[in-house]
Amino acid sequence: MGDFSEHVLFGFLTAVLIAFMTKNMFSFNPFESVASVIAVFAGSVLPDVDHKNSYVHRAAKAVVSLVSASVAFFLPVSVQYQYLLYVIILLSVYLSIGMMEIRHRGFTHSISFCAIIASAGVTVSVLTLGSALLGVALGIGLLSHLILDDEFKME
């Protein structure tokens, strides 16, 4: 079981090892290289979104709240009500996420979660960039987290 910094370091170590082993098979531009490191980082800490005191949980709570509230600016509502709607959505999403009871080391620490998120990452990566690299990097980060947490037991 690792803490935040151990998950980040192990995720980066995994990414470096895979990059070293595959360096002669692929050639990536600088954007893809940096973006894939960020994706590995995100994947290596993402499963801890189910822990209320984790950095990723607090960050996800804020980001989801802000993104959800930003939708208010695109709704067909008069300008005078947009800000009120923005505040209502922001507070309701933020408080709703805070009240959720998710079991730590539950679904987010499963191979199913890893497969779903990595598949979504590959799909988005292919559709937007024409390459599956970022989705694969996200999946590598997720797997590194599960490995470090001993989710795969060899008995």
C-alpha atoms as a PDB file:
ATOM      1  CA  MET A   1       0.000   0.000   0.000  1.00  0.00           C
ATOM      2  CA  GLY A   2       1.524   3.235  -1.081  1.00  0.00           C
ATOM      3  CA  ASP A   3       0.832   6.827  -0.296  1.00  0.00           C
ATOM      4  CA  PHE A   4       0.429   9.618  -2.859  1.00  0.00           C
ATOM      5  CA  SER A   5       4.138  10.163  -3.505  1.00  0.00           C
ATOM      6  CA  GLU A   6       4.843   6.425  -3.763  1.00  0.00           C
ATOM      7  CA  HIS A   7       2.074   6.003  -6.332  1.00  0.00           C
ATOM      8  CA  VAL A   8       3.410   8.929  -8.371  1.00  0.00           C
ATOM      9  CA  LEU A   9       7.009   7.667  -8.243  1.00  0.00           C
ATOM     10  CA  PHE A  10       6.037   4.086  -9.074  1.00  0.00           C
ATOM     11  CA  GLY A  11       3.847   5.312 -11.959  1.00  0.00           C
ATOM     12  CA  PHE A  12       6.717   7.362 -13.398  1.00  0.00           C
ATOM     13  CA  LEU A  13       9.163   4.487 -12.917  1.00  0.00           C
ATOM     14  CA  THR A  14       6.778   2.207 -14.802  1.00  0.00           C
ATOM     15  CA  ALA A  15       6.420   4.774 -17.606  1.00  0.00           C
ATOM     16  CA  VAL A  16      10.190   5.204 -17.904  1.00  0.00           C
ATOM     17  CA  LEU A  17      10.753   1.441 -18.021  1.00  0.00           C
ATOM     18  CA  ILE A  18       8.118   0.971 -20.720  1.00  0.00           C
ATOM     19  CA  ALA A  19       9.467   3.942 -22.700  1.00  0.00           C
ATOM     20  CA  PHE A  20      12.978   2.485 -22.497  1.00  0.00           C
ATOM     21  CA  MET A  21      11.814  -0.970 -23.594  1.00  0.00           C
ATOM     22  CA  THR A  22       9.810   0.405 -26.541  1.00  0.00           C
ATOM     23  CA  LYS A  23      12.080   3.288 -27.627  1.00  0.00           C
ATOM     24  CA  ASN A  24      13.067   1.587 -30.873  1.00  0.00           C
ATOM     25  CA  MET A  25       9.497   0.579 -31.751  1.00  0.00           C
ATOM     26  CA  PHE A  26       7.824   4.006 -31.660  1.00  0.00           C
ATOM     27  CA  SER A  27       8.725   7.634 -32.210  1.00  0.00           C
ATOM     28  CA  PHE A  28       6.726  10.254 -30.355  1.00  0.00           C
ATOM     29  CA  ASN A  29       6.733  14.007 -30.738  1.00  0.00           C
ATOM     30  CA  PRO A  30       7.477  16.165 -27.658  1.00  0.00           C
ATOM     31  CA  PHE A  31       3.780  16.887 -27.014  1.00  0.00           C
ATOM     32  CA  GLU A  32       2.946  13.173 -26.933  1.00  0.00           C
ATOM     33  CA  SER A  33       5.848  12.482 -24.596  1.00  0.00           C
ATOM     34  CA  VAL A  34       4.876  15.172 -22.077  1.00  0.00           C
ATOM     35  CA  ALA A  35       1.159  14.386 -22.332  1.00  0.00           C
ATOM     36  CA  SER A  36       1.795  10.683 -21.777  1.00  0.00           C
ATOM     37  CA  VAL A  37       3.812  11.414 -18.620  1.00  0.00           C
ATOM     38  CA  ILE A  38       0.907  13.528 -17.351  1.00  0.00           C
ATOM     39  CA  ALA A  39      -1.520  10.711 -18.228  1.00  0.00           C
ATOM     40  CA  VAL A  40       0.602   8.172 -16.320  1.00  0.00           C
ATOM     41  CA  PHE A  41       0.651  10.556 -13.350  1.00  0.00           C
ATOM     42  CA  ALA A  42      -3.136  10.962 -13.488  1.00  0.00           C
ATOM     43  CA  GLY A  43      -3.665   7.213 -13.746  1.00  0.00           C
ATOM     44  CA  SER A  44      -1.268   6.447 -10.908  1.00  0.00           C
ATOM     45  CA  VAL A  45      -3.302   8.500  -8.419  1.00  0.00           C
ATOM     46  CA  LEU A  46      -6.823   8.213  -9.881  1.00  0.00           C
ATOM     47  CA  PRO A  47      -7.954   5.088  -7.967  1.00  0.00           C
ATOM     48  CA  ASP A  48      -7.633   7.011  -4.692  1.00  0.00           C
ATOM     49  CA  VAL A  49     -10.516   9.254  -5.728  1.00  0.00           C
ATOM     50  CA  ASP A  50     -12.589   7.099  -3.360  1.00  0.00           C
ATOM     51  CA  HIS A  51     -10.633   8.267  -0.292  1.00  0.00           C
ATOM     52  CA  LYS A  52     -12.042  11.495   1.181  1.00  0.00           C
ATOM     53  CA  ASN A  53      -8.677  12.775   2.415  1.00  0.00           C
ATOM     54  CA  SER A  54      -6.718  12.133  -0.779  1.00  0.00           C
ATOM     55  CA  TYR A  55      -5.408  14.921  -2.992  1.00  0.00           C
ATOM     56  CA  VAL A  56      -7.140  13.469  -6.018  1.00  0.00           C
ATOM     57  CA  HIS A  57     -10.527  13.325  -4.246  1.00  0.00           C
ATOM     58  CA  ARG A  58     -10.323  16.975  -3.238  1.00  0.00           C
ATOM     59  CA  ALA A  59      -9.125  18.026  -6.698  1.00  0.00           C
ATOM     60  CA  ALA A  60     -11.800  15.962  -8.459  1.00  0.00           C
ATOM     61  CA  LYS A  61     -14.466  17.437  -6.221  1.00  0.00           C
ATOM     62  CA  ALA A  62     -13.415  20.969  -7.167  1.00  0.00           C
ATOM     63  CA  VAL A  63     -12.947  20.261 -10.888  1.00  0.00           C
ATOM     64  CA  VAL A  64     -16.250  18.394 -11.294  1.00  0.00           C
ATOM     65  CA  SER A  65     -18.056  21.172  -9.428  1.00  0.00           C
ATOM     66  CA  LEU A  66     -16.533  23.901 -11.590  1.00  0.00           C
ATOM     67  CA  VAL A  67     -17.101  22.049 -14.862  1.00  0.00           C
ATOM     68  CA  SER A  68     -20.699  21.264 -13.928  1.00  0.00           C
ATOM     69  CA  ALA A  69     -21.337  24.852 -12.918  1.00  0.00           C
ATOM     70  CA  SER A  70     -19.748  26.136 -16.126  1.00  0.00           C
ATOM     71  CA  VAL A  71     -22.544  24.423 -18.025  1.00  0.00           C
ATOM     72  CA  ALA A  72     -24.801  27.186 -16.672  1.00  0.00           C
ATOM     73  CA  PHE A  73     -23.150  29.650 -19.035  1.00  0.00           C
ATOM     74  CA  PHE A  74     -24.176  27.575 -22.049  1.00  0.00           C
ATOM     75  CA  LEU A  75     -27.779  26.989 -21.032  1.00  0.00           C
ATOM     76  CA  PRO A  76     -30.435  29.105 -22.752  1.00  0.00           C
ATOM     77  CA  VAL A  77     -31.102  31.222 -19.662  1.00  0.00           C
ATOM     78  CA  SER A  78     -31.114  35.004 -19.480  1.00  0.00           C
ATOM     79  CA  VAL A  79     -27.884  36.586 -18.286  1.00  0.00           C
ATOM     80  CA  GLN A  80     -29.390  37.810 -15.034  1.00  0.00           C
ATOM     81  CA  TYR A  81     -30.104  34.213 -13.988  1.00  0.00           C
ATOM     82  CA  GLN A  82     -26.897  32.626 -15.285  1.00  0.00           C
ATOM     83  CA  TYR A  83     -24.832  33.581 -12.241  1.00  0.00           C
ATOM     84  CA  LEU A  84     -27.506  32.400  -9.842  1.00  0.00           C
ATOM     85  CA  LEU A  85     -27.754  29.117 -11.744  1.00  0.00           C
ATOM     86  CA  TYR A  86     -23.936  28.870 -11.729  1.00  0.00           C
ATOM     87  CA  VAL A  87     -23.800  29.214  -7.922  1.00  0.00           C
ATOM     88  CA  ILE A  88     -26.674  26.767  -7.390  1.00  0.00           C
ATOM     89  CA  ILE A  89     -25.092  24.110  -9.624  1.00  0.00           C
ATOM     90  CA  LEU A  90     -21.639  24.654  -8.116  1.00  0.00           C
ATOM     91  CA  LEU A  91     -22.872  24.287  -4.537  1.00  0.00           C
ATOM     92  CA  SER A  92     -25.204  21.377  -5.221  1.00  0.00           C
ATOM     93  CA  VAL A  93     -22.572  19.319  -7.065  1.00  0.00           C
ATOM     94  CA  TYR A  94     -19.873  20.139  -4.497  1.00  0.00           C
ATOM     95  CA  LEU A  95     -22.108  19.201  -1.570  1.00  0.00           C
ATOM     96  CA  SER A  96     -23.450  16.085  -3.321  1.00  0.00           C
ATOM     97  CA  ILE A  97     -19.958  14.769  -3.957  1.00  0.00           C
ATOM     98  CA  GLY A  98     -19.039  15.504  -0.349  1.00  0.00           C
ATOM     99  CA  MET A  99     -21.984  13.483   0.963  1.00  0.00           C
ATOM    100  CA  MET A 100     -21.320  10.413  -1.185  1.00  0.00           C
ATOM    101  CA  GLU A 101     -20.235   7.375   0.759  1.00  0.00           C
ATOM    102  CA  ILE A 102     -17.819   5.435  -1.400  1.00  0.00           C
ATOM    103  CA  ARG A 103     -15.960   2.519   0.129  1.00  0.00           C
ATOM    104  CA  HIS A 104     -12.188   2.974   0.010  1.00  0.00           C
ATOM    105  CA  ARG A 105     -10.450   0.295  -2.048  1.00  0.00           C
ATOM    106  CA  GLY A 106     -13.746  -0.616  -3.627  1.00  0.00           C
ATOM    107  CA  PHE A 107     -14.624  -0.351  -7.307  1.00  0.00           C
ATOM    108  CA  THR A 108     -11.936   2.226  -8.090  1.00  0.00           C
ATOM    109  CA  HIS A 109      -9.305  -0.317  -7.033  1.00  0.00           C
ATOM    110  CA  SER A 110     -10.545  -3.007  -9.409  1.00  0.00           C
ATOM    111  CA  ILE A 111      -9.399  -4.229 -12.795  1.00  0.00           C
ATOM    112  CA  SER A 112     -12.896  -3.380 -14.091  1.00  0.00           C
ATOM    113  CA  PHE A 113     -12.428   0.297 -13.198  1.00  0.00           C
ATOM    114  CA  CYS A 114      -8.991   0.214 -14.807  1.00  0.00           C
ATOM    115  CA  ALA A 115     -10.405  -1.312 -18.002  1.00  0.00           C
ATOM    116  CA  ILE A 116     -13.307   1.152 -18.212  1.00  0.00           C
ATOM    117  CA  ILE A 117     -11.175   4.253 -17.631  1.00  0.00           C
ATOM    118  CA  ALA A 118      -8.342   3.073 -19.898  1.00  0.00           C
ATOM    119  CA  SER A 119     -10.832   2.203 -22.671  1.00  0.00           C
ATOM    120  CA  ALA A 120     -12.459   5.611 -22.357  1.00  0.00           C
ATOM    121  CA  GLY A 121      -9.004   7.209 -22.420  1.00  0.00           C
ATOM    122  CA  VAL A 122      -7.989   5.291 -25.539  1.00  0.00           C
ATOM    123  CA  THR A 123     -11.258   6.215 -27.260  1.00  0.00           C
ATOM    124  CA  VAL A 124     -10.941   9.922 -26.456  1.00  0.00           C
ATOM    125  CA  SER A 125      -7.245   9.892 -27.363  1.00  0.00           C
ATOM    126  CA  VAL A 126      -7.877   8.249 -30.747  1.00  0.00           C
ATOM    127  CA  LEU A 127     -10.799  10.540 -31.573  1.00  0.00           C
ATOM    128  CA  THR A 128      -8.988  13.747 -30.614  1.00  0.00           C
ATOM    129  CA  LEU A 129      -5.324  13.046 -31.383  1.00  0.00           C
ATOM    130  CA  GLY A 130      -5.449  10.085 -33.735  1.00  0.00           C
ATOM    131  CA  SER A 131      -3.289   8.024 -31.385  1.00  0.00           C
ATOM    132  CA  ALA A 132      -4.095   5.677 -28.507  1.00  0.00           C
ATOM    133  CA  LEU A 133      -0.949   6.709 -26.620  1.00  0.00           C
ATOM    134  CA  LEU A 134      -2.580   8.848 -23.927  1.00  0.00           C
ATOM    135  CA  GLY A 135      -5.226   6.248 -23.135  1.00  0.00           C
ATOM    136  CA  VAL A 136      -2.582   3.540 -22.898  1.00  0.00           C
ATOM    137  CA  ALA A 137      -0.468   5.784 -20.642  1.00  0.00           C
ATOM    138  CA  LEU A 138      -3.497   6.374 -18.416  1.00  0.00           C
ATOM    139  CA  GLY A 139      -4.047   2.611 -18.231  1.00  0.00           C
ATOM    140  CA  ILE A 140      -0.391   2.056 -17.319  1.00  0.00           C
ATOM    141  CA  GLY A 141      -0.724   4.546 -14.481  1.00  0.00           C
ATOM    142  CA  LEU A 142      -3.882   2.834 -13.236  1.00  0.00           C
ATOM    143  CA  LEU A 143      -2.224  -0.585 -13.345  1.00  0.00           C
ATOM    144  CA  SER A 144       0.823   0.731 -11.492  1.00  0.00           C
ATOM    145  CA  HIS A 145      -1.473   1.929  -8.706  1.00  0.00           C
ATOM    146  CA  LEU A 146      -3.180  -1.454  -8.448  1.00  0.00           C
ATOM    147  CA  ILE A 147       0.160  -3.282  -8.443  1.00  0.00           C
ATOM    148  CA  LEU A 148       1.555  -1.051  -5.693  1.00  0.00           C
ATOM    149  CA  ASP A 149      -1.583  -1.602  -3.604  1.00  0.00           C
ATOM    150  CA  ASP A 150      -1.196  -5.404  -3.920  1.00  0.00           C
ATOM    151  CA  GLU A 151      -4.478  -5.781  -5.780  1.00  0.00           C
ATOM    152  CA  PHE A 152      -2.909  -8.606  -7.792  1.00  0.00           C
ATOM    153  CA  LYS A 153      -1.900 -11.314  -5.379  1.00  0.00           C
ATOM    154  CA  MET A 154       0.398 -14.154  -6.400  1.00  0.00           C
ATOM    155  CA  GLU A 155      -0.455 -17.101  -4.166  1.00  0.00           C
END
